[in-house]
Amino acid sequence: MANTPQAEKRIRRNERRAAVNKARLSRIRTHVKKVESAIAAGDKAGAAAALQAAQPELARGVAKGVLHKNTASRKLSRLTKQVSALA
């Protein structure tokens, strides 16, 4: 339990930031899933369009501190590789 006003404020702030970060991470995951479902369906044009939409979301996640730089880079690289492999 918080004993000082500063600690109470920190708890309130942490809860607000956690909600924002959770929403941001959920948004990123949704974009990635759209790419993956288009790849699974074999829709190259749809997958490429979804990848174009997912790329800035991943970059924004890195900039906001929700994702590690290498994690976003790895996800983007793997998705790009899968999209380009579609015939």
PDB file of N, CA and C in Angstrom:
ATOM      1  N   MET A   1       0.846  -1.182   0.000  1.00  0.00           N
ATOM      2  CA  MET A   1       0.000   0.000   0.000  1.00  0.00           C
ATOM      3  C   MET A   1       0.891   1.245   0.000  1.00  0.00           C
ATOM      4  N   ALA A   2       0.477   2.241  -0.759  1.00  0.00           N
ATOM      5  CA  ALA A   2       1.257   3.471  -0.854  1.00  0.00           C
ATOM      6  C   ALA A   2       1.139   4.286   0.438  1.00  0.00           C
ATOM      7  N   ASN A   3       2.255   4.782   0.904  1.00  0.00           N
ATOM      8  CA  ASN A   3       2.272   5.544   2.153  1.00  0.00           C
ATOM      9  C   ASN A   3       2.405   7.047   1.942  1.00  0.00           C
ATOM     10  N   THR A   4       2.803   7.462   0.747  1.00  0.00           N
ATOM     11  CA  THR A   4       3.012   8.887   0.498  1.00  0.00           C
ATOM     12  C   THR A   4       2.159   9.330  -0.688  1.00  0.00           C
ATOM     13  N   PRO A   5       1.860  10.613  -0.745  1.00  0.00           N
ATOM     14  CA  PRO A   5       1.106  11.129  -1.897  1.00  0.00           C
ATOM     15  C   PRO A   5       1.828  10.858  -3.227  1.00  0.00           C
ATOM     16  N   GLN A   6       3.135  10.937  -3.182  1.00  0.00           N
ATOM     17  CA  GLN A   6       3.928  10.688  -4.393  1.00  0.00           C
ATOM     18  C   GLN A   6       3.734   9.247  -4.874  1.00  0.00           C
ATOM     19  N   ALA A   7       3.739   8.301  -3.938  1.00  0.00           N
ATOM     20  CA  ALA A   7       3.566   6.893  -4.290  1.00  0.00           C
ATOM     21  C   ALA A   7       2.161   6.636  -4.815  1.00  0.00           C
ATOM     22  N   GLU A   8       1.161   7.312  -4.229  1.00  0.00           N
ATOM     23  CA  GLU A   8      -0.220   7.165  -4.706  1.00  0.00           C
ATOM     24  C   GLU A   8      -0.358   7.680  -6.129  1.00  0.00           C
ATOM     25  N   LYS A   9       0.260   8.827  -6.384  1.00  0.00           N
ATOM     26  CA  LYS A   9       0.208   9.404  -7.724  1.00  0.00           C
ATOM     27  C   LYS A   9       0.905   8.486  -8.727  1.00  0.00           C
ATOM     28  N   ARG A  10       2.028   7.911  -8.325  1.00  0.00           N
ATOM     29  CA  ARG A  10       2.778   7.001  -9.204  1.00  0.00           C
ATOM     30  C   ARG A  10       1.918   5.786  -9.563  1.00  0.00           C
ATOM     31  N   ILE A  11       1.156   5.276  -8.603  1.00  0.00           N
ATOM     32  CA  ILE A  11       0.275   4.137  -8.867  1.00  0.00           C
ATOM     33  C   ILE A  11      -0.792   4.518  -9.893  1.00  0.00           C
ATOM     34  N   ARG A  12      -1.396   5.695  -9.709  1.00  0.00           N
ATOM     35  CA  ARG A  12      -2.420   6.161 -10.667  1.00  0.00           C
ATOM     36  C   ARG A  12      -1.825   6.316 -12.059  1.00  0.00           C
ATOM     37  N   ARG A  13      -0.639   6.910 -12.136  1.00  0.00           N
ATOM     38  CA  ARG A  13       0.014   7.136 -13.425  1.00  0.00           C
ATOM     39  C   ARG A  13       0.358   5.813 -14.097  1.00  0.00           C
ATOM     40  N   ASN A  14       0.864   4.859 -13.302  1.00  0.00           N
ATOM     41  CA  ASN A  14       1.233   3.560 -13.857  1.00  0.00           C
ATOM     42  C   ASN A  14       0.027   2.831 -14.431  1.00  0.00           C
ATOM     43  N   GLU A  15      -1.123   2.960 -13.762  1.00  0.00           N
ATOM     44  CA  GLU A  15      -2.344   2.316 -14.270  1.00  0.00           C
ATOM     45  C   GLU A  15      -2.770   2.936 -15.598  1.00  0.00           C
ATOM     46  N   ARG A  16      -2.687   4.256 -15.691  1.00  0.00           N
ATOM     47  CA  ARG A  16      -3.049   4.921 -16.958  1.00  0.00           C
ATOM     48  C   ARG A  16      -2.109   4.511 -18.079  1.00  0.00           C
ATOM     49  N   ARG A  17      -0.814   4.494 -17.798  1.00  0.00           N
ATOM     50  CA  ARG A  17       0.173   4.136 -18.828  1.00  0.00           C
ATOM     51  C   ARG A  17       0.017   2.679 -19.249  1.00  0.00           C
ATOM     52  N   ALA A  18      -0.287   1.811 -18.288  1.00  0.00           N
ATOM     53  CA  ALA A  18      -0.476   0.387 -18.597  1.00  0.00           C
ATOM     54  C   ALA A  18      -1.653   0.212 -19.549  1.00  0.00           C
ATOM     55  N   ALA A  19      -2.728   0.976 -19.345  1.00  0.00           N
ATOM     56  CA  ALA A  19      -3.898   0.888 -20.224  1.00  0.00           C
ATOM     57  C   ALA A  19      -3.551   1.351 -21.636  1.00  0.00           C
ATOM     58  N   VAL A  20      -2.798   2.427 -21.739  1.00  0.00           N
ATOM     59  CA  VAL A  20      -2.394   2.944 -23.049  1.00  0.00           C
ATOM     60  C   VAL A  20      -1.496   1.946 -23.767  1.00  0.00           C
ATOM     61  N   ASN A  21      -0.530   1.402 -23.027  1.00  0.00           N
ATOM     62  CA  ASN A  21       0.400   0.448 -23.630  1.00  0.00           C
ATOM     63  C   ASN A  21      -0.301  -0.837 -24.045  1.00  0.00           C
ATOM     64  N   LYS A  22      -1.273  -1.273 -23.255  1.00  0.00           N
ATOM     65  CA  LYS A  22      -2.026  -2.490 -23.593  1.00  0.00           C
ATOM     66  C   LYS A  22      -2.805  -2.281 -24.884  1.00  0.00           C
ATOM     67  N   ALA A  23      -3.436  -1.127 -25.031  1.00  0.00           N
ATOM     68  CA  ALA A  23      -4.187  -0.820 -26.247  1.00  0.00           C
ATOM     69  C   ALA A  23      -3.253  -0.756 -27.453  1.00  0.00           C
ATOM     70  N   ARG A  24      -2.095  -0.157 -27.268  1.00  0.00           N
ATOM     71  CA  ARG A  24      -1.122  -0.016 -28.348  1.00  0.00           C
ATOM     72  C   ARG A  24      -0.615  -1.393 -28.797  1.00  0.00           C
ATOM     73  N   LEU A  25      -0.307  -2.259 -27.843  1.00  0.00           N
ATOM     74  CA  LEU A  25       0.183  -3.596 -28.155  1.00  0.00           C
ATOM     75  C   LEU A  25      -0.895  -4.432 -28.838  1.00  0.00           C
ATOM     76  N   SER A  26      -2.127  -4.272 -28.395  1.00  0.00           N
ATOM     77  CA  SER A  26      -3.251  -4.978 -29.007  1.00  0.00           C
ATOM     78  C   SER A  26      -3.423  -4.552 -30.461  1.00  0.00           C
ATOM     79  N   ARG A  27      -3.278  -3.264 -30.717  1.00  0.00           N
ATOM     80  CA  ARG A  27      -3.399  -2.731 -32.075  1.00  0.00           C
ATOM     81  C   ARG A  27      -2.313  -3.307 -32.979  1.00  0.00           C
ATOM     82  N   ILE A  28      -1.096  -3.407 -32.468  1.00  0.00           N
ATOM     83  CA  ILE A  28       0.015  -3.975 -33.235  1.00  0.00           C
ATOM     84  C   ILE A  28      -0.267  -5.429 -33.560  1.00  0.00           C
ATOM     85  N   ARG A  29      -0.708  -6.189 -32.545  1.00  0.00           N
ATOM     86  CA  ARG A  29      -0.996  -7.611 -32.753  1.00  0.00           C
ATOM     87  C   ARG A  29      -2.095  -7.814 -33.781  1.00  0.00           C
ATOM     88  N   THR A  30      -3.107  -6.944 -33.771  1.00  0.00           N
ATOM     89  CA  THR A  30      -4.197  -7.037 -34.742  1.00  0.00           C
ATOM     90  C   THR A  30      -3.669  -6.857 -36.162  1.00  0.00           C
ATOM     91  N   HIS A  31      -2.803  -5.880 -36.358  1.00  0.00           N
ATOM     92  CA  HIS A  31      -2.235  -5.639 -37.687  1.00  0.00           C
ATOM     93  C   HIS A  31      -1.396  -6.827 -38.145  1.00  0.00           C
ATOM     94  N   VAL A  32      -0.616  -7.401 -37.233  1.00  0.00           N
ATOM     95  CA  VAL A  32       0.217  -8.555 -37.582  1.00  0.00           C
ATOM     96  C   VAL A  32      -0.659  -9.750 -37.949  1.00  0.00           C
ATOM     97  N   LYS A  33      -1.754  -9.950 -37.200  1.00  0.00           N
ATOM     98  CA  LYS A  33      -2.663 -11.063 -37.484  1.00  0.00           C
ATOM     99  C   LYS A  33      -3.333 -10.907 -38.844  1.00  0.00           C
ATOM    100  N   LYS A  34      -3.622  -9.674 -39.241  1.00  0.00           N
ATOM    101  CA  LYS A  34      -4.217  -9.443 -40.563  1.00  0.00           C
ATOM    102  C   LYS A  34      -3.263  -9.887 -41.658  1.00  0.00           C
ATOM    103  N   VAL A  35      -1.983  -9.608 -41.495  1.00  0.00           N
ATOM    104  CA  VAL A  35      -0.977 -10.036 -42.472  1.00  0.00           C
ATOM    105  C   VAL A  35      -0.908 -11.556 -42.491  1.00  0.00           C
ATOM    106  N   GLU A  36      -0.850 -12.165 -41.316  1.00  0.00           N
ATOM    107  CA  GLU A  36      -0.735 -13.618 -41.231  1.00  0.00           C
ATOM    108  C   GLU A  36      -1.946 -14.326 -41.821  1.00  0.00           C
ATOM    109  N   SER A  37      -3.143 -13.786 -41.616  1.00  0.00           N
ATOM    110  CA  SER A  37      -4.336 -14.420 -42.176  1.00  0.00           C
ATOM    111  C   SER A  37      -4.377 -14.280 -43.690  1.00  0.00           C
ATOM    112  N   ALA A  38      -3.894 -13.159 -44.214  1.00  0.00           N
ATOM    113  CA  ALA A  38      -3.827 -12.984 -45.668  1.00  0.00           C
ATOM    114  C   ALA A  38      -2.805 -13.946 -46.272  1.00  0.00           C
ATOM    115  N   ILE A  39      -1.705 -14.174 -45.572  1.00  0.00           N
ATOM    116  CA  ILE A  39      -0.690 -15.127 -46.032  1.00  0.00           C
ATOM    117  C   ILE A  39      -1.276 -16.532 -46.042  1.00  0.00           C
ATOM    118  N   ALA A  40      -2.006 -16.883 -44.971  1.00  0.00           N
ATOM    119  CA  ALA A  40      -2.614 -18.210 -44.873  1.00  0.00           C
ATOM    120  C   ALA A  40      -3.639 -18.430 -45.975  1.00  0.00           C
ATOM    121  N   ALA A  41      -4.337 -17.361 -46.376  1.00  0.00           N
ATOM    122  CA  ALA A  41      -5.340 -17.459 -47.438  1.00  0.00           C
ATOM    123  C   ALA A  41      -4.698 -17.463 -48.819  1.00  0.00           C
ATOM    124  N   GLY A  42      -3.419 -17.143 -48.891  1.00  0.00           N
ATOM    125  CA  GLY A  42      -2.717 -17.112 -50.175  1.00  0.00           C
ATOM    126  C   GLY A  42      -2.976 -15.853 -50.984  1.00  0.00           C
ATOM    127  N   ASP A  43      -3.458 -14.812 -50.335  1.00  0.00           N
ATOM    128  CA  ASP A  43      -3.774 -13.544 -51.000  1.00  0.00           C
ATOM    129  C   ASP A  43      -2.553 -12.631 -50.957  1.00  0.00           C
ATOM    130  N   LYS A  44      -1.768 -12.643 -52.035  1.00  0.00           N
ATOM    131  CA  LYS A  44      -0.517 -11.869 -52.041  1.00  0.00           C
ATOM    132  C   LYS A  44      -0.777 -10.366 -51.999  1.00  0.00           C
ATOM    133  N   ALA A  45      -1.753  -9.897 -52.780  1.00  0.00           N
ATOM    134  CA  ALA A  45      -2.046  -8.458 -52.799  1.00  0.00           C
ATOM    135  C   ALA A  45      -2.560  -7.995 -51.438  1.00  0.00           C
ATOM    136  N   GLY A  46      -3.449  -8.778 -50.851  1.00  0.00           N
ATOM    137  CA  GLY A  46      -3.989  -8.434 -49.532  1.00  0.00           C
ATOM    138  C   GLY A  46      -2.923  -8.472 -48.457  1.00  0.00           C
ATOM    139  N   ALA A  47      -2.043  -9.466 -48.550  1.00  0.00           N
ATOM    140  CA  ALA A  47      -0.966  -9.592 -47.567  1.00  0.00           C
ATOM    141  C   ALA A  47       0.004  -8.417 -47.678  1.00  0.00           C
ATOM    142  N   ALA A  48       0.300  -8.014 -48.915  1.00  0.00           N
ATOM    143  CA  ALA A  48       1.217  -6.891 -49.120  1.00  0.00           C
ATOM    144  C   ALA A  48       0.610  -5.600 -48.576  1.00  0.00           C
ATOM    145  N   ALA A  49      -0.693  -5.410 -48.801  1.00  0.00           N
ATOM    146  CA  ALA A  49      -1.371  -4.214 -48.299  1.00  0.00           C
ATOM    147  C   ALA A  49      -1.404  -4.219 -46.769  1.00  0.00           C
ATOM    148  N   ALA A  50      -1.683  -5.376 -46.182  1.00  0.00           N
ATOM    149  CA  ALA A  50      -1.726  -5.488 -44.725  1.00  0.00           C
ATOM    150  C   ALA A  50      -0.337  -5.263 -44.130  1.00  0.00           C
ATOM    151  N   LEU A  51       0.684  -5.736 -44.837  1.00  0.00           N
ATOM    152  CA  LEU A  51       2.064  -5.534 -44.369  1.00  0.00           C
ATOM    153  C   LEU A  51       2.420  -4.049 -44.388  1.00  0.00           C
ATOM    154  N   GLN A  52       1.983  -3.341 -45.418  1.00  0.00           N
ATOM    155  CA  GLN A  52       2.231  -1.898 -45.504  1.00  0.00           C
ATOM    156  C   GLN A  52       1.567  -1.164 -44.341  1.00  0.00           C
ATOM    157  N   ALA A  53       0.397  -1.672 -43.894  1.00  0.00           N
ATOM    158  CA  ALA A  53      -0.294  -1.052 -42.763  1.00  0.00           C
ATOM    159  C   ALA A  53       0.358  -1.433 -41.433  1.00  0.00           C
ATOM    160  N   ALA A  54       0.916  -2.640 -41.358  1.00  0.00           N
ATOM    161  CA  ALA A  54       1.501  -3.121 -40.105  1.00  0.00           C
ATOM    162  C   ALA A  54       2.868  -2.493 -39.829  1.00  0.00           C
ATOM    163  N   GLN A  55       3.586  -2.162 -40.880  1.00  0.00           N
ATOM    164  CA  GLN A  55       4.950  -1.646 -40.719  1.00  0.00           C
ATOM    165  C   GLN A  55       5.010  -0.378 -39.857  1.00  0.00           C
ATOM    166  N   PRO A  56       4.205   0.650 -40.130  1.00  0.00           N
ATOM    167  CA  PRO A  56       4.272   1.837 -39.270  1.00  0.00           C
ATOM    168  C   PRO A  56       3.794   1.572 -37.845  1.00  0.00           C
ATOM    169  N   GLU A  57       2.864   0.630 -37.677  1.00  0.00           N
ATOM    170  CA  GLU A  57       2.401   0.295 -36.326  1.00  0.00           C
ATOM    171  C   GLU A  57       3.535  -0.319 -35.511  1.00  0.00           C
ATOM    172  N   LEU A  58       4.309  -1.201 -36.135  1.00  0.00           N
ATOM    173  CA  LEU A  58       5.455  -1.800 -35.446  1.00  0.00           C
ATOM    174  C   LEU A  58       6.484  -0.723 -35.096  1.00  0.00           C
ATOM    175  N   ALA A  59       6.746   0.168 -36.035  1.00  0.00           N
ATOM    176  CA  ALA A  59       7.717   1.241 -35.797  1.00  0.00           C
ATOM    177  C   ALA A  59       7.245   2.163 -34.671  1.00  0.00           C
ATOM    178  N   ARG A  60       5.952   2.425 -34.633  1.00  0.00           N
ATOM    179  CA  ARG A  60       5.399   3.279 -33.591  1.00  0.00           C
ATOM    180  C   ARG A  60       5.511   2.594 -32.226  1.00  0.00           C
ATOM    181  N   GLY A  61       5.311   1.278 -32.217  1.00  0.00           N
ATOM    182  CA  GLY A  61       5.463   0.528 -30.970  1.00  0.00           C
ATOM    183  C   GLY A  61       6.874   0.619 -30.424  1.00  0.00           C
ATOM    184  N   VAL A  62       7.850   0.599 -31.316  1.00  0.00           N
ATOM    185  CA  VAL A  62       9.248   0.740 -30.903  1.00  0.00           C
ATOM    186  C   VAL A  62       9.490   2.144 -30.363  1.00  0.00           C
ATOM    187  N   ALA A  63       8.989   3.143 -31.079  1.00  0.00           N
ATOM    188  CA  ALA A  63       9.205   4.533 -30.683  1.00  0.00           C
ATOM    189  C   ALA A  63       8.568   4.838 -29.323  1.00  0.00           C
ATOM    190  N   LYS A  64       7.437   4.202 -29.050  1.00  0.00           N
ATOM    191  CA  LYS A  64       6.729   4.444 -27.790  1.00  0.00           C
ATOM    192  C   LYS A  64       7.211   3.537 -26.660  1.00  0.00           C
ATOM    193  N   GLY A  65       8.113   2.618 -26.963  1.00  0.00           N
ATOM    194  CA  GLY A  65       8.682   1.783 -25.917  1.00  0.00           C
ATOM    195  C   GLY A  65       7.870   0.554 -25.573  1.00  0.00           C
ATOM    196  N   VAL A  66       6.908   0.187 -26.414  1.00  0.00           N
ATOM    197  CA  VAL A  66       6.079  -0.984 -26.152  1.00  0.00           C
ATOM    198  C   VAL A  66       6.779  -2.251 -26.634  1.00  0.00           C
ATOM    199  N   LEU A  67       7.504  -2.141 -27.736  1.00  0.00           N
ATOM    200  CA  LEU A  67       8.228  -3.268 -28.314  1.00  0.00           C
ATOM    201  C   LEU A  67       9.720  -2.961 -28.339  1.00  0.00           C
ATOM    202  N   HIS A  68      10.516  -4.000 -28.234  1.00  0.00           N
ATOM    203  CA  HIS A  68      11.957  -3.841 -28.415  1.00  0.00           C
ATOM    204  C   HIS A  68      12.248  -3.695 -29.902  1.00  0.00           C
ATOM    205  N   LYS A  69      13.259  -2.935 -30.217  1.00  0.00           N
ATOM    206  CA  LYS A  69      13.628  -2.664 -31.611  1.00  0.00           C
ATOM    207  C   LYS A  69      13.867  -3.946 -32.391  1.00  0.00           C
ATOM    208  N   ASN A  70      14.606  -4.871 -31.806  1.00  0.00           N
ATOM    209  CA  ASN A  70      14.935  -6.118 -32.503  1.00  0.00           C
ATOM    210  C   ASN A  70      13.710  -7.008 -32.682  1.00  0.00           C
ATOM    211  N   THR A  71      12.779  -6.967 -31.745  1.00  0.00           N
ATOM    212  CA  THR A  71      11.549  -7.753 -31.852  1.00  0.00           C
ATOM    213  C   THR A  71      10.736  -7.284 -33.048  1.00  0.00           C
ATOM    214  N   ALA A  72      10.558  -5.973 -33.171  1.00  0.00           N
ATOM    215  CA  ALA A  72       9.799  -5.421 -34.284  1.00  0.00           C
ATOM    216  C   ALA A  72      10.504  -5.716 -35.599  1.00  0.00           C
ATOM    217  N   SER A  73      11.811  -5.592 -35.621  1.00  0.00           N
ATOM    218  CA  SER A  73      12.586  -5.857 -36.826  1.00  0.00           C
ATOM    219  C   SER A  73      12.446  -7.313 -37.245  1.00  0.00           C
ATOM    220  N   ARG A  74      12.502  -8.214 -36.272  1.00  0.00           N
ATOM    221  CA  ARG A  74      12.376  -9.644 -36.555  1.00  0.00           C
ATOM    222  C   ARG A  74      10.989  -9.977 -37.106  1.00  0.00           C
ATOM    223  N   LYS A  75       9.944  -9.431 -36.488  1.00  0.00           N
ATOM    224  CA  LYS A  75       8.576  -9.679 -36.950  1.00  0.00           C
ATOM    225  C   LYS A  75       8.390  -9.169 -38.376  1.00  0.00           C
ATOM    226  N   LEU A  76       8.876  -7.958 -38.630  1.00  0.00           N
ATOM    227  CA  LEU A  76       8.730  -7.361 -39.950  1.00  0.00           C
ATOM    228  C   LEU A  76       9.496  -8.157 -40.998  1.00  0.00           C
ATOM    229  N   SER A  77      10.697  -8.594 -40.657  1.00  0.00           N
ATOM    230  CA  SER A  77      11.516  -9.366 -41.581  1.00  0.00           C
ATOM    231  C   SER A  77      10.844 -10.685 -41.941  1.00  0.00           C
ATOM    232  N   ARG A  78      10.341 -11.379 -40.931  1.00  0.00           N
ATOM    233  CA  ARG A  78       9.705 -12.680 -41.181  1.00  0.00           C
ATOM    234  C   ARG A  78       8.431 -12.544 -42.000  1.00  0.00           C
ATOM    235  N   LEU A  79       7.631 -11.511 -41.690  1.00  0.00           N
ATOM    236  CA  LEU A  79       6.396 -11.300 -42.445  1.00  0.00           C
ATOM    237  C   LEU A  79       6.710 -10.936 -43.895  1.00  0.00           C
ATOM    238  N   THR A  80       7.696 -10.079 -44.096  1.00  0.00           N
ATOM    239  CA  THR A  80       8.084  -9.674 -45.451  1.00  0.00           C
ATOM    240  C   THR A  80       8.545 -10.878 -46.257  1.00  0.00           C
ATOM    241  N   LYS A  81       9.320 -11.723 -45.619  1.00  0.00           N
ATOM    242  CA  LYS A  81       9.826 -12.928 -46.273  1.00  0.00           C
ATOM    243  C   LYS A  81       8.677 -13.846 -46.682  1.00  0.00           C
ATOM    244  N   GLN A  82       7.688 -13.997 -45.815  1.00  0.00           N
ATOM    245  CA  GLN A  82       6.530 -14.849 -46.113  1.00  0.00           C
ATOM    246  C   GLN A  82       5.681 -14.262 -47.240  1.00  0.00           C
ATOM    247  N   VAL A  83       5.494 -12.949 -47.226  1.00  0.00           N
ATOM    248  CA  VAL A  83       4.694 -12.301 -48.272  1.00  0.00           C
ATOM    249  C   VAL A  83       5.386 -12.434 -49.633  1.00  0.00           C
ATOM    250  N   SER A  84       6.691 -12.226 -49.649  1.00  0.00           N
ATOM    251  CA  SER A  84       7.402 -12.314 -50.930  1.00  0.00           C
ATOM    252  C   SER A  84       7.475 -13.749 -51.448  1.00  0.00           C
ATOM    253  N   ALA A  85       7.329 -14.736 -50.559  1.00  0.00           N
ATOM    254  CA  ALA A  85       7.367 -16.129 -50.975  1.00  0.00           C
ATOM    255  C   ALA A  85       6.055 -16.584 -51.605  1.00  0.00           C
ATOM    256  N   LEU A  86       4.982 -15.801 -51.409  1.00  0.00           N
ATOM    257  CA  LEU A  86       3.697 -16.167 -52.016  1.00  0.00           C
ATOM    258  C   LEU A  86       3.804 -16.060 -53.532  1.00  0.00           C
ATOM    259  N   ALA A  87       3.189 -17.016 -54.202  1.00  0.00           N
ATOM    260  CA  ALA A  87       3.287 -17.031 -55.671  1.00  0.00           C
ATOM    261  C   ALA A  87       2.198 -16.248 -56.349  1.00  0.00           C
TER     262      ALA A  87
END
